[in-house]
mmCIF file of all heavy atoms, coordinates in Angstrom:
data_MODEL
# 
_entry.id   MODEL 
# 
loop_
_atom_site.group_PDB 
_atom_site.id 
_atom_site.type_symbol 
_atom_site.label_atom_id 
_atom_site.label_alt_id 
_atom_site.label_comp_id 
_atom_site.label_asym_id 
_atom_site.label_entity_id 
_atom_site.label_seq_id 
_atom_site.pdbx_PDB_ins_code 
_atom_site.Cartn_x 
_atom_site.Cartn_y 
_atom_site.Cartn_z 
_atom_site.occupancy 
_atom_site.B_iso_or_equiv 
_atom_site.pdbx_formal_charge 
_atom_site.auth_seq_id 
_atom_site.auth_comp_id 
_atom_site.auth_asym_id 
_atom_site.auth_atom_id 
_atom_site.pdbx_PDB_model_num 
ATOM 1   N N   . GLN A 1 1  ? 0.832  -1.207  0.000   1.00 0.00 ? 1  GLN A N   1 
ATOM 2   C CA  . GLN A 1 1  ? 0.000  0.000   0.000   1.00 0.00 ? 1  GLN A CA  1 
ATOM 3   C C   . GLN A 1 1  ? 0.863  1.253   0.000   1.00 0.00 ? 1  GLN A C   1 
ATOM 4   O O   . GLN A 1 1  ? 0.570  2.216   -0.704  1.00 0.00 ? 1  GLN A O   1 
ATOM 5   C CB  . GLN A 1 1  ? -0.942 0.006   1.195   1.00 0.00 ? 1  GLN A CB  1 
ATOM 6   C CG  . GLN A 1 1  ? -2.079 -0.970  1.070   1.00 0.00 ? 1  GLN A CG  1 
ATOM 7   C CD  . GLN A 1 1  ? -2.935 -1.033  2.314   1.00 0.00 ? 1  GLN A CD  1 
ATOM 8   O OE1 . GLN A 1 1  ? -2.467 -0.802  3.431   1.00 0.00 ? 1  GLN A OE1 1 
ATOM 9   N NE2 . GLN A 1 1  ? -4.201 -1.358  2.125   1.00 0.00 ? 1  GLN A NE2 1 
ATOM 10  N N   . SER A 1 2  ? 1.915  1.250   0.782   1.00 0.00 ? 2  SER A N   1 
ATOM 11  C CA  . SER A 1 2  ? 2.810  2.403   0.838   1.00 0.00 ? 2  SER A CA  1 
ATOM 12  C C   . SER A 1 2  ? 3.496  2.630   -0.504  1.00 0.00 ? 2  SER A C   1 
ATOM 13  O O   . SER A 1 2  ? 3.615  3.765   -0.972  1.00 0.00 ? 2  SER A O   1 
ATOM 14  C CB  . SER A 1 2  ? 3.854  2.180   1.928   1.00 0.00 ? 2  SER A CB  1 
ATOM 15  O OG  . SER A 1 2  ? 4.778  3.222   1.944   1.00 0.00 ? 2  SER A OG  1 
ATOM 16  N N   . ALA A 1 3  ? 3.936  1.549   -1.143  1.00 0.00 ? 3  ALA A N   1 
ATOM 17  C CA  . ALA A 1 3  ? 4.617  1.671   -2.432  1.00 0.00 ? 3  ALA A CA  1 
ATOM 18  C C   . ALA A 1 3  ? 3.665  2.182   -3.514  1.00 0.00 ? 3  ALA A C   1 
ATOM 19  O O   . ALA A 1 3  ? 4.062  2.962   -4.383  1.00 0.00 ? 3  ALA A O   1 
ATOM 20  C CB  . ALA A 1 3  ? 5.203  0.324   -2.840  1.00 0.00 ? 3  ALA A CB  1 
ATOM 21  N N   . LEU A 1 4  ? 2.410  1.747   -3.463  1.00 0.00 ? 4  LEU A N   1 
ATOM 22  C CA  . LEU A 1 4  ? 1.452  2.145   -4.500  1.00 0.00 ? 4  LEU A CA  1 
ATOM 23  C C   . LEU A 1 4  ? 0.798  3.500   -4.227  1.00 0.00 ? 4  LEU A C   1 
ATOM 24  O O   . LEU A 1 4  ? 0.174  4.069   -5.119  1.00 0.00 ? 4  LEU A O   1 
ATOM 25  C CB  . LEU A 1 4  ? 0.379  1.066   -4.655  1.00 0.00 ? 4  LEU A CB  1 
ATOM 26  C CG  . LEU A 1 4  ? 0.861  -0.275  -5.191  1.00 0.00 ? 4  LEU A CG  1 
ATOM 27  C CD1 . LEU A 1 4  ? -0.281 -1.269  -5.238  1.00 0.00 ? 4  LEU A CD1 1 
ATOM 28  C CD2 . LEU A 1 4  ? 1.501  -0.124  -6.562  1.00 0.00 ? 4  LEU A CD2 1 
ATOM 29  N N   . ALA A 1 5  ? 0.946  4.028   -3.019  1.00 0.00 ? 5  ALA A N   1 
ATOM 30  C CA  . ALA A 1 5  ? 0.321  5.311   -2.674  1.00 0.00 ? 5  ALA A CA  1 
ATOM 31  C C   . ALA A 1 5  ? 0.804  6.442   -3.577  1.00 0.00 ? 5  ALA A C   1 
ATOM 32  O O   . ALA A 1 5  ? 0.044  7.353   -3.902  1.00 0.00 ? 5  ALA A O   1 
ATOM 33  C CB  . ALA A 1 5  ? 0.594  5.648   -1.211  1.00 0.00 ? 5  ALA A CB  1 
ATOM 34  N N   . ASN A 1 6  ? 2.050  6.389   -3.986  1.00 0.00 ? 6  ASN A N   1 
ATOM 35  C CA  . ASN A 1 6  ? 2.621  7.441   -4.831  1.00 0.00 ? 6  ASN A CA  1 
ATOM 36  C C   . ASN A 1 6  ? 2.814  6.992   -6.268  1.00 0.00 ? 6  ASN A C   1 
ATOM 37  O O   . ASN A 1 6  ? 3.603  7.582   -7.002  1.00 0.00 ? 6  ASN A O   1 
ATOM 38  C CB  . ASN A 1 6  ? 3.957  7.904   -4.244  1.00 0.00 ? 6  ASN A CB  1 
ATOM 39  C CG  . ASN A 1 6  ? 3.780  8.526   -2.882  1.00 0.00 ? 6  ASN A CG  1 
ATOM 40  O OD1 . ASN A 1 6  ? 2.836  9.281   -2.661  1.00 0.00 ? 6  ASN A OD1 1 
ATOM 41  N ND2 . ASN A 1 6  ? 4.653  8.195   -1.963  1.00 0.00 ? 6  ASN A ND2 1 
ATOM 42  N N   . TRP A 1 7  ? 2.112  5.947   -6.668  1.00 0.00 ? 7  TRP A N   1 
ATOM 43  C CA  . TRP A 1 7  ? 2.233  5.406   -8.022  1.00 0.00 ? 7  TRP A CA  1 
ATOM 44  C C   . TRP A 1 7  ? 1.716  6.434   -9.008  1.00 0.00 ? 7  TRP A C   1 
ATOM 45  O O   . TRP A 1 7  ? 0.578  6.872   -8.928  1.00 0.00 ? 7  TRP A O   1 
ATOM 46  C CB  . TRP A 1 7  ? 1.445  4.105   -8.130  1.00 0.00 ? 7  TRP A CB  1 
ATOM 47  C CG  . TRP A 1 7  ? 1.705  3.350   -9.388  1.00 0.00 ? 7  TRP A CG  1 
ATOM 48  C CD1 . TRP A 1 7  ? 0.945  3.366   -10.503 1.00 0.00 ? 7  TRP A CD1 1 
ATOM 49  C CD2 . TRP A 1 7  ? 2.798  2.476   -9.656  1.00 0.00 ? 7  TRP A CD2 1 
ATOM 50  N NE1 . TRP A 1 7  ? 1.493  2.538   -11.463 1.00 0.00 ? 7  TRP A NE1 1 
ATOM 51  C CE2 . TRP A 1 7  ? 2.631  1.988   -10.968 1.00 0.00 ? 7  TRP A CE2 1 
ATOM 52  C CE3 . TRP A 1 7  ? 3.902  2.069   -8.919  1.00 0.00 ? 7  TRP A CE3 1 
ATOM 53  C CZ2 . TRP A 1 7  ? 3.523  1.096   -11.541 1.00 0.00 ? 7  TRP A CZ2 1 
ATOM 54  C CZ3 . TRP A 1 7  ? 4.783  1.188   -9.493  1.00 0.00 ? 7  TRP A CZ3 1 
ATOM 55  C CH2 . TRP A 1 7  ? 4.594  0.705   -10.791 1.00 0.00 ? 7  TRP A CH2 1 
ATOM 56  N N   . LYS A 1 8  ? 2.527  6.835   -9.961  1.00 0.00 ? 8  LYS A N   1 
ATOM 57  C CA  . LYS A 1 8  ? 2.148  7.875   -10.912 1.00 0.00 ? 8  LYS A CA  1 
ATOM 58  C C   . LYS A 1 8  ? 1.910  7.344   -12.319 1.00 0.00 ? 8  LYS A C   1 
ATOM 59  O O   . LYS A 1 8  ? 1.542  8.083   -13.207 1.00 0.00 ? 8  LYS A O   1 
ATOM 60  C CB  . LYS A 1 8  ? 3.215  8.965   -10.921 1.00 0.00 ? 8  LYS A CB  1 
ATOM 61  C CG  . LYS A 1 8  ? 3.289  9.707   -9.594  1.00 0.00 ? 8  LYS A CG  1 
ATOM 62  C CD  . LYS A 1 8  ? 4.328  10.786  -9.630  1.00 0.00 ? 8  LYS A CD  1 
ATOM 63  C CE  . LYS A 1 8  ? 4.377  11.617  -8.390  1.00 0.00 ? 8  LYS A CE  1 
ATOM 64  N NZ  . LYS A 1 8  ? 4.412  10.977  -7.132  1.00 0.00 ? 8  LYS A NZ  1 
ATOM 65  N N   . GLU A 1 9  ? 2.129  6.072   -12.514 1.00 0.00 ? 9  GLU A N   1 
ATOM 66  C CA  . GLU A 1 9  ? 1.926  5.475   -13.829 1.00 0.00 ? 9  GLU A CA  1 
ATOM 67  C C   . GLU A 1 9  ? 0.433  5.299   -14.094 1.00 0.00 ? 9  GLU A C   1 
ATOM 68  O O   . GLU A 1 9  ? -0.372 5.167   -13.175 1.00 0.00 ? 9  GLU A O   1 
ATOM 69  C CB  . GLU A 1 9  ? 2.618  4.115   -13.908 1.00 0.00 ? 9  GLU A CB  1 
ATOM 70  C CG  . GLU A 1 9  ? 4.109  4.155   -13.644 1.00 0.00 ? 9  GLU A CG  1 
ATOM 71  C CD  . GLU A 1 9  ? 4.889  4.903   -14.708 1.00 0.00 ? 9  GLU A CD  1 
ATOM 72  O OE1 . GLU A 1 9  ? 4.540  4.779   -15.891 1.00 0.00 ? 9  GLU A OE1 1 
ATOM 73  O OE2 . GLU A 1 9  ? 5.837  5.607   -14.348 1.00 0.00 ? 9  GLU A OE2 1 
ATOM 74  N N   . GLU A 1 10 ? 0.062  5.292   -15.374 1.00 0.00 ? 10 GLU A N   1 
ATOM 75  C CA  . GLU A 1 10 ? -1.338 5.119   -15.749 1.00 0.00 ? 10 GLU A CA  1 
ATOM 76  C C   . GLU A 1 10 ? -1.805 3.687   -15.521 1.00 0.00 ? 10 GLU A C   1 
ATOM 77  O O   . GLU A 1 10 ? -2.946 3.450   -15.130 1.00 0.00 ? 10 GLU A O   1 
ATOM 78  C CB  . GLU A 1 10 ? -1.521 5.493   -17.223 1.00 0.00 ? 10 GLU A CB  1 
ATOM 79  C CG  . GLU A 1 10 ? -2.955 5.486   -17.681 1.00 0.00 ? 10 GLU A CG  1 
ATOM 80  C CD  . GLU A 1 10 ? -3.093 5.991   -19.090 1.00 0.00 ? 10 GLU A CD  1 
ATOM 81  O OE1 . GLU A 1 10 ? -2.492 7.025   -19.427 1.00 0.00 ? 10 GLU A OE1 1 
ATOM 82  O OE2 . GLU A 1 10 ? -3.806 5.338   -19.861 1.00 0.00 ? 10 GLU A OE2 1 
ATOM 83  N N   . CYS A 1 11 ? -0.936 2.718   -15.768 1.00 0.00 ? 11 CYS A N   1 
ATOM 84  C CA  . CYS A 1 11 ? -1.285 1.301   -15.634 1.00 0.00 ? 11 CYS A CA  1 
ATOM 85  C C   . CYS A 1 11 ? -0.346 0.618   -14.654 1.00 0.00 ? 11 CYS A C   1 
ATOM 86  O O   . CYS A 1 11 ? 0.792  1.030   -14.462 1.00 0.00 ? 11 CYS A O   1 
ATOM 87  C CB  . CYS A 1 11 ? -1.166 0.586   -16.979 1.00 0.00 ? 11 CYS A CB  1 
ATOM 88  S SG  . CYS A 1 11 ? -2.362 1.123   -18.190 1.00 0.00 ? 11 CYS A SG  1 
ATOM 89  N N   . LEU A 1 12 ? -0.852 -0.441  -14.071 1.00 0.00 ? 12 LEU A N   1 
ATOM 90  C CA  . LEU A 1 12 ? -0.042 -1.292  -13.216 1.00 0.00 ? 12 LEU A CA  1 
ATOM 91  C C   . LEU A 1 12 ? 0.024  -2.655  -13.891 1.00 0.00 ? 12 LEU A C   1 
ATOM 92  O O   . LEU A 1 12 ? -1.004 -3.310  -14.082 1.00 0.00 ? 12 LEU A O   1 
ATOM 93  C CB  . LEU A 1 12 ? -0.684 -1.416  -11.829 1.00 0.00 ? 12 LEU A CB  1 
ATOM 94  C CG  . LEU A 1 12 ? 0.022  -2.315  -10.842 1.00 0.00 ? 12 LEU A CG  1 
ATOM 95  C CD1 . LEU A 1 12 ? 1.382  -1.725  -10.464 1.00 0.00 ? 12 LEU A CD1 1 
ATOM 96  C CD2 . LEU A 1 12 ? -0.839 -2.498  -9.603  1.00 0.00 ? 12 LEU A CD2 1 
ATOM 97  N N   . TYR A 1 13 ? 1.203  -3.068  -14.300 1.00 0.00 ? 13 TYR A N   1 
ATOM 98  C CA  . TYR A 1 13 ? 1.377  -4.342  -14.996 1.00 0.00 ? 13 TYR A CA  1 
ATOM 99  C C   . TYR A 1 13 ? 1.826  -5.403  -14.007 1.00 0.00 ? 13 TYR A C   1 
ATOM 100 O O   . TYR A 1 13 ? 2.740  -5.178  -13.213 1.00 0.00 ? 13 TYR A O   1 
ATOM 101 C CB  . TYR A 1 13 ? 2.413  -4.210  -16.113 1.00 0.00 ? 13 TYR A CB  1 
ATOM 102 C CG  . TYR A 1 13 ? 1.973  -3.296  -17.214 1.00 0.00 ? 13 TYR A CG  1 
ATOM 103 C CD1 . TYR A 1 13 ? 2.371  -1.970  -17.248 1.00 0.00 ? 13 TYR A CD1 1 
ATOM 104 C CD2 . TYR A 1 13 ? 1.138  -3.757  -18.226 1.00 0.00 ? 13 TYR A CD2 1 
ATOM 105 C CE1 . TYR A 1 13 ? 1.955  -1.116  -18.263 1.00 0.00 ? 13 TYR A CE1 1 
ATOM 106 C CE2 . TYR A 1 13 ? 0.715  -2.923  -19.239 1.00 0.00 ? 13 TYR A CE2 1 
ATOM 107 C CZ  . TYR A 1 13 ? 1.135  -1.603  -19.248 1.00 0.00 ? 13 TYR A CZ  1 
ATOM 108 O OH  . TYR A 1 13 ? 0.709  -0.769  -20.247 1.00 0.00 ? 13 TYR A OH  1 
ATOM 109 N N   . LEU A 1 14 ? 1.159  -6.555  -14.075 1.00 0.00 ? 14 LEU A N   1 
ATOM 110 C CA  . LEU A 1 14 ? 1.515  -7.692  -13.243 1.00 0.00 ? 14 LEU A CA  1 
ATOM 111 C C   . LEU A 1 14 ? 2.023  -8.820  -14.128 1.00 0.00 ? 14 LEU A C   1 
ATOM 112 O O   . LEU A 1 14 ? 1.551  -9.003  -15.246 1.00 0.00 ? 14 LEU A O   1 
ATOM 113 C CB  . LEU A 1 14 ? 0.312  -8.182  -12.439 1.00 0.00 ? 14 LEU A CB  1 
ATOM 114 C CG  . LEU A 1 14 ? -0.284 -7.190  -11.454 1.00 0.00 ? 14 LEU A CG  1 
ATOM 115 C CD1 . LEU A 1 14 ? -1.533 -7.778  -10.809 1.00 0.00 ? 14 LEU A CD1 1 
ATOM 116 C CD2 . LEU A 1 14 ? 0.728  -6.792  -10.400 1.00 0.00 ? 14 LEU A CD2 1 
ATOM 117 N N   . SER A 1 15 ? 2.961  -9.558  -13.612 1.00 0.00 ? 15 SER A N   1 
ATOM 118 C CA  . SER A 1 15 ? 3.520  -10.696 -14.343 1.00 0.00 ? 15 SER A CA  1 
ATOM 119 C C   . SER A 1 15 ? 3.519  -11.906 -13.419 1.00 0.00 ? 15 SER A C   1 
ATOM 120 O O   . SER A 1 15 ? 3.918  -11.810 -12.258 1.00 0.00 ? 15 SER A O   1 
ATOM 121 C CB  . SER A 1 15 ? 4.947  -10.363 -14.771 1.00 0.00 ? 15 SER A CB  1 
ATOM 122 O OG  . SER A 1 15 ? 5.576  -11.490 -15.305 1.00 0.00 ? 15 SER A OG  1 
ATOM 123 N N   . ASP A 1 16 ? 3.044  -13.027 -13.927 1.00 0.00 ? 16 ASP A N   1 
ATOM 124 C CA  . ASP A 1 16 ? 3.157  -14.259 -13.156 1.00 0.00 ? 16 ASP A CA  1 
ATOM 125 C C   . ASP A 1 16 ? 4.090  -15.198 -13.904 1.00 0.00 ? 16 ASP A C   1 
ATOM 126 O O   . ASP A 1 16 ? 4.118  -15.217 -15.119 1.00 0.00 ? 16 ASP A O   1 
ATOM 127 C CB  . ASP A 1 16 ? 1.791  -14.903 -12.910 1.00 0.00 ? 16 ASP A CB  1 
ATOM 128 C CG  . ASP A 1 16 ? 1.122  -15.357 -14.189 1.00 0.00 ? 16 ASP A CG  1 
ATOM 129 O OD1 . ASP A 1 16 ? 1.364  -14.753 -15.232 1.00 0.00 ? 16 ASP A OD1 1 
ATOM 130 O OD2 . ASP A 1 16 ? 0.353  -16.327 -14.131 1.00 0.00 ? 16 ASP A OD2 1 
ATOM 131 N N   . TYR A 1 17 ? 4.876  -15.916 -13.182 1.00 0.00 ? 17 TYR A N   1 
ATOM 132 C CA  . TYR A 1 17 ? 5.801  -16.840 -13.804 1.00 0.00 ? 17 TYR A CA  1 
ATOM 133 C C   . TYR A 1 17 ? 6.112  -17.981 -12.851 1.00 0.00 ? 17 TYR A C   1 
ATOM 134 O O   . TYR A 1 17 ? 5.948  -17.854 -11.642 1.00 0.00 ? 17 TYR A O   1 
ATOM 135 C CB  . TYR A 1 17 ? 7.084  -16.152 -14.292 1.00 0.00 ? 17 TYR A CB  1 
ATOM 136 C CG  . TYR A 1 17 ? 7.720  -15.188 -13.333 1.00 0.00 ? 17 TYR A CG  1 
ATOM 137 C CD1 . TYR A 1 17 ? 8.823  -15.553 -12.566 1.00 0.00 ? 17 TYR A CD1 1 
ATOM 138 C CD2 . TYR A 1 17 ? 7.234  -13.891 -13.202 1.00 0.00 ? 17 TYR A CD2 1 
ATOM 139 C CE1 . TYR A 1 17 ? 9.417  -14.652 -11.699 1.00 0.00 ? 17 TYR A CE1 1 
ATOM 140 C CE2 . TYR A 1 17 ? 7.816  -12.996 -12.323 1.00 0.00 ? 17 TYR A CE2 1 
ATOM 141 C CZ  . TYR A 1 17 ? 8.901  -13.376 -11.581 1.00 0.00 ? 17 TYR A CZ  1 
ATOM 142 O OH  . TYR A 1 17 ? 9.470  -12.493 -10.710 1.00 0.00 ? 17 TYR A OH  1 
ATOM 143 N N   . THR A 1 18 ? 6.510  -19.074 -13.433 1.00 0.00 ? 18 THR A N   1 
ATOM 144 C CA  . THR A 1 18 ? 6.778  -20.271 -12.653 1.00 0.00 ? 18 THR A CA  1 
ATOM 145 C C   . THR A 1 18 ? 8.146  -20.849 -12.998 1.00 0.00 ? 18 THR A C   1 
ATOM 146 O O   . THR A 1 18 ? 8.664  -20.645 -14.091 1.00 0.00 ? 18 THR A O   1 
ATOM 147 C CB  . THR A 1 18 ? 5.715  -21.360 -12.914 1.00 0.00 ? 18 THR A CB  1 
ATOM 148 O OG1 . THR A 1 18 ? 5.754  -21.709 -14.286 1.00 0.00 ? 18 THR A OG1 1 
ATOM 149 C CG2 . THR A 1 18 ? 4.329  -20.885 -12.549 1.00 0.00 ? 18 THR A CG2 1 
ATOM 150 N N   . SER A 1 19 ? 8.696  -21.563 -12.062 1.00 0.00 ? 19 SER A N   1 
ATOM 151 C CA  . SER A 1 19 ? 9.941  -22.307 -12.261 1.00 0.00 ? 19 SER A CA  1 
ATOM 152 C C   . SER A 1 19 ? 9.755  -23.669 -11.606 1.00 0.00 ? 19 SER A C   1 
ATOM 153 O O   . SER A 1 19 ? 9.124  -23.767 -10.554 1.00 0.00 ? 19 SER A O   1 
ATOM 154 C CB  . SER A 1 19 ? 11.124 -21.603 -11.592 1.00 0.00 ? 19 SER A CB  1 
ATOM 155 O OG  . SER A 1 19 ? 11.298 -20.319 -12.117 1.00 0.00 ? 19 SER A OG  1 
ATOM 156 N N   . THR A 1 20 ? 10.306 -24.696 -12.213 1.00 0.00 ? 20 THR A N   1 
ATOM 157 C CA  . THR A 1 20 ? 10.239 -26.022 -11.609 1.00 0.00 ? 20 THR A CA  1 
ATOM 158 C C   . THR A 1 20 ? 11.627 -26.418 -11.121 1.00 0.00 ? 20 THR A C   1 
ATOM 159 O O   . THR A 1 20 ? 12.634 -26.072 -11.720 1.00 0.00 ? 20 THR A O   1 
ATOM 160 C CB  . THR A 1 20 ? 9.724  -27.079 -12.600 1.00 0.00 ? 20 THR A CB  1 
ATOM 161 O OG1 . THR A 1 20 ? 10.537 -27.058 -13.766 1.00 0.00 ? 20 THR A OG1 1 
ATOM 162 C CG2 . THR A 1 20 ? 8.283  -26.828 -12.975 1.00 0.00 ? 20 THR A CG2 1 
ATOM 163 N N   . TYR A 1 21 ? 11.634 -27.167 -10.015 1.00 0.00 ? 21 TYR A N   1 
ATOM 164 C CA  . TYR A 1 21 ? 12.887 -27.606 -9.412  1.00 0.00 ? 21 TYR A CA  1 
ATOM 165 C C   . TYR A 1 21 ? 12.842 -29.097 -9.162  1.00 0.00 ? 21 TYR A C   1 
ATOM 166 O O   . TYR A 1 21 ? 11.921 -29.593 -8.506  1.00 0.00 ? 21 TYR A O   1 
ATOM 167 C CB  . TYR A 1 21 ? 13.139 -26.856 -8.100  1.00 0.00 ? 21 TYR A CB  1 
ATOM 168 C CG  . TYR A 1 21 ? 13.326 -25.373 -8.325  1.00 0.00 ? 21 TYR A CG  1 
ATOM 169 C CD1 . TYR A 1 21 ? 12.278 -24.485 -8.158  1.00 0.00 ? 21 TYR A CD1 1 
ATOM 170 C CD2 . TYR A 1 21 ? 14.550 -24.876 -8.749  1.00 0.00 ? 21 TYR A CD2 1 
ATOM 171 C CE1 . TYR A 1 21 ? 12.444 -23.132 -8.383  1.00 0.00 ? 21 TYR A CE1 1 
ATOM 172 C CE2 . TYR A 1 21 ? 14.727 -23.519 -8.984  1.00 0.00 ? 21 TYR A CE2 1 
ATOM 173 C CZ  . TYR A 1 21 ? 13.672 -22.652 -8.792  1.00 0.00 ? 21 TYR A CZ  1 
ATOM 174 O OH  . TYR A 1 21 ? 13.834 -21.325 -9.029  1.00 0.00 ? 21 TYR A OH  1 
ATOM 175 N N   . TRP A 1 22 ? 13.820 -29.797 -9.691  1.00 0.00 ? 22 TRP A N   1 
ATOM 176 C CA  . TRP A 1 22 ? 14.006 -31.238 -9.495  1.00 0.00 ? 22 TRP A CA  1 
ATOM 177 C C   . TRP A 1 22 ? 12.766 -32.032 -9.894  1.00 0.00 ? 22 TRP A C   1 
ATOM 178 O O   . TRP A 1 22 ? 12.524 -33.104 -9.371  1.00 0.00 ? 22 TRP A O   1 
ATOM 179 C CB  . TRP A 1 22 ? 14.378 -31.537 -8.050  1.00 0.00 ? 22 TRP A CB  1 
ATOM 180 C CG  . TRP A 1 22 ? 15.543 -30.743 -7.584  1.00 0.00 ? 22 TRP A CG  1 
ATOM 181 C CD1 . TRP A 1 22 ? 16.841 -30.893 -7.963  1.00 0.00 ? 22 TRP A CD1 1 
ATOM 182 C CD2 . TRP A 1 22 ? 15.510 -29.641 -6.686  1.00 0.00 ? 22 TRP A CD2 1 
ATOM 183 N NE1 . TRP A 1 22 ? 17.621 -29.954 -7.354  1.00 0.00 ? 22 TRP A NE1 1 
ATOM 184 C CE2 . TRP A 1 22 ? 16.825 -29.155 -6.551  1.00 0.00 ? 22 TRP A CE2 1 
ATOM 185 C CE3 . TRP A 1 22 ? 14.511 -28.998 -5.975  1.00 0.00 ? 22 TRP A CE3 1 
ATOM 186 C CZ2 . TRP A 1 22 ? 17.157 -28.095 -5.754  1.00 0.00 ? 22 TRP A CZ2 1 
ATOM 187 C CZ3 . TRP A 1 22 ? 14.842 -27.929 -5.168  1.00 0.00 ? 22 TRP A CZ3 1 
ATOM 188 C CH2 . TRP A 1 22 ? 16.153 -27.499 -5.072  1.00 0.00 ? 22 TRP A CH2 1 
ATOM 189 N N   . GLU A 1 23 ? 11.981 -31.514 -10.821 1.00 0.00 ? 23 GLU A N   1 
ATOM 190 C CA  . GLU A 1 23 ? 10.743 -32.155 -11.272 1.00 0.00 ? 23 GLU A CA  1 
ATOM 191 C C   . GLU A 1 23 ? 9.842  -32.541 -10.097 1.00 0.00 ? 23 GLU A C   1 
ATOM 192 O O   . GLU A 1 23 ? 9.068  -33.486 -10.160 1.00 0.00 ? 23 GLU A O   1 
ATOM 193 C CB  . GLU A 1 23 ? 11.050 -33.368 -12.140 1.00 0.00 ? 23 GLU A CB  1 
ATOM 194 C CG  . GLU A 1 23 ? 11.750 -33.012 -13.424 1.00 0.00 ? 23 GLU A CG  1 
ATOM 195 C CD  . GLU A 1 23 ? 11.973 -34.206 -14.323 1.00 0.00 ? 23 GLU A CD  1 
ATOM 196 O OE1 . GLU A 1 23 ? 11.492 -35.304 -14.006 1.00 0.00 ? 23 GLU A OE1 1 
ATOM 197 O OE2 . GLU A 1 23 ? 12.632 -34.031 -15.356 1.00 0.00 ? 23 GLU A OE2 1 
ATOM 198 N N   . GLU A 1 24 ? 9.950  -31.780 -9.022  1.00 0.00 ? 24 GLU A N   1 
ATOM 199 C CA  . GLU A 1 24 ? 9.165  -32.095 -7.827  1.00 0.00 ? 24 GLU A CA  1 
ATOM 200 C C   . GLU A 1 24 ? 8.434  -30.865 -7.286  1.00 0.00 ? 24 GLU A C   1 
ATOM 201 O O   . GLU A 1 24 ? 7.331  -30.977 -6.770  1.00 0.00 ? 24 GLU A O   1 
ATOM 202 C CB  . GLU A 1 24 ? 10.077 -32.677 -6.744  1.00 0.00 ? 24 GLU A CB  1 
ATOM 203 C CG  . GLU A 1 24 ? 9.336  -33.164 -5.540  1.00 0.00 ? 24 GLU A CG  1 
ATOM 204 C CD  . GLU A 1 24 ? 10.240 -33.890 -4.559  1.00 0.00 ? 24 GLU A CD  1 
ATOM 205 O OE1 . GLU A 1 24 ? 11.427 -34.113 -4.866  1.00 0.00 ? 24 GLU A OE1 1 
ATOM 206 O OE2 . GLU A 1 24 ? 9.747  -34.230 -3.479  1.00 0.00 ? 24 GLU A OE2 1 
ATOM 207 N N   . TYR A 1 25 ? 9.053  -29.703 -7.411  1.00 0.00 ? 25 TYR A N   1 
ATOM 208 C CA  . TYR A 1 25 ? 8.468  -28.492 -6.852  1.00 0.00 ? 25 TYR A CA  1 
ATOM 209 C C   . TYR A 1 25 ? 8.265  -27.444 -7.936  1.00 0.00 ? 25 TYR A C   1 
ATOM 210 O O   . TYR A 1 25 ? 9.006  -27.392 -8.913  1.00 0.00 ? 25 TYR A O   1 
ATOM 211 C CB  . TYR A 1 25 ? 9.375  -27.912 -5.757  1.00 0.00 ? 25 TYR A CB  1 
ATOM 212 C CG  . TYR A 1 25 ? 9.564  -28.844 -4.613  1.00 0.00 ? 25 TYR A CG  1 
ATOM 213 C CD1 . TYR A 1 25 ? 10.720 -29.598 -4.503  1.00 0.00 ? 25 TYR A CD1 1 
ATOM 214 C CD2 . TYR A 1 25 ? 8.581  -28.988 -3.636  1.00 0.00 ? 25 TYR A CD2 1 
ATOM 215 C CE1 . TYR A 1 25 ? 10.908 -30.471 -3.446  1.00 0.00 ? 25 TYR A CE1 1 
ATOM 216 C CE2 . TYR A 1 25 ? 8.756  -29.858 -2.585  1.00 0.00 ? 25 TYR A CE2 1 
ATOM 217 C CZ  . TYR A 1 25 ? 9.918  -30.597 -2.493  1.00 0.00 ? 25 TYR A CZ  1 
ATOM 218 O OH  . TYR A 1 25 ? 10.102 -31.462 -1.458  1.00 0.00 ? 25 TYR A OH  1 
ATOM 219 N N   . CYS A 1 26 ? 7.284  -26.590 -7.710  1.00 0.00 ? 26 CYS A N   1 
ATOM 220 C CA  . CYS A 1 26 ? 7.012  -25.489 -8.630  1.00 0.00 ? 26 CYS A CA  1 
ATOM 221 C C   . CYS A 1 26 ? 6.981  -24.195 -7.831  1.00 0.00 ? 26 CYS A C   1 
ATOM 222 O O   . CYS A 1 26 ? 6.268  -24.089 -6.831  1.00 0.00 ? 26 CYS A O   1 
ATOM 223 C CB  . CYS A 1 26 ? 5.666  -25.727 -9.316  1.00 0.00 ? 26 CYS A CB  1 
ATOM 224 S SG  . CYS A 1 26 ? 5.261  -24.447 -10.505 1.00 0.00 ? 26 CYS A SG  1 
ATOM 225 N N   . LEU A 1 27 ? 7.763  -23.223 -8.238  1.00 0.00 ? 27 LEU A N   1 
ATOM 226 C CA  . LEU A 1 27 ? 7.775  -21.912 -7.611  1.00 0.00 ? 27 LEU A CA  1 
ATOM 227 C C   . LEU A 1 27 ? 6.913  -20.988 -8.465  1.00 0.00 ? 27 LEU A C   1 
ATOM 228 O O   . LEU A 1 27 ? 7.194  -20.782 -9.644  1.00 0.00 ? 27 LEU A O   1 
ATOM 229 C CB  . LEU A 1 27 ? 9.205  -21.371 -7.518  1.00 0.00 ? 27 LEU A CB  1 
ATOM 230 C CG  . LEU A 1 27 ? 9.367  -19.958 -6.970  1.00 0.00 ? 27 LEU A CG  1 
ATOM 231 C CD1 . LEU A 1 27 ? 8.869  -19.880 -5.533  1.00 0.00 ? 27 LEU A CD1 1 
ATOM 232 C CD2 . LEU A 1 27 ? 10.817 -19.522 -7.056  1.00 0.00 ? 27 LEU A CD2 1 
ATOM 233 N N   . VAL A 1 28 ? 5.845  -20.457 -7.885  1.00 0.00 ? 28 VAL A N   1 
ATOM 234 C CA  . VAL A 1 28 ? 4.929  -19.557 -8.580  1.00 0.00 ? 28 VAL A CA  1 
ATOM 235 C C   . VAL A 1 28 ? 5.136  -18.164 -7.999  1.00 0.00 ? 28 VAL A C   1 
ATOM 236 O O   . VAL A 1 28 ? 5.094  -17.984 -6.781  1.00 0.00 ? 28 VAL A O   1 
ATOM 237 C CB  . VAL A 1 28 ? 3.454  -19.997 -8.375  1.00 0.00 ? 28 VAL A CB  1 
ATOM 238 C CG1 . VAL A 1 28 ? 2.517  -19.075 -9.122  1.00 0.00 ? 28 VAL A CG1 1 
ATOM 239 C CG2 . VAL A 1 28 ? 3.265  -21.438 -8.796  1.00 0.00 ? 28 VAL A CG2 1 
# 
């Protein structure tokens, strides 16, 4: 909330991404 309070950009872009480790775990 503090970081976005002074947000001056018109849009807020979000990115989701994943990584797999040892074919057992997924980091999202």
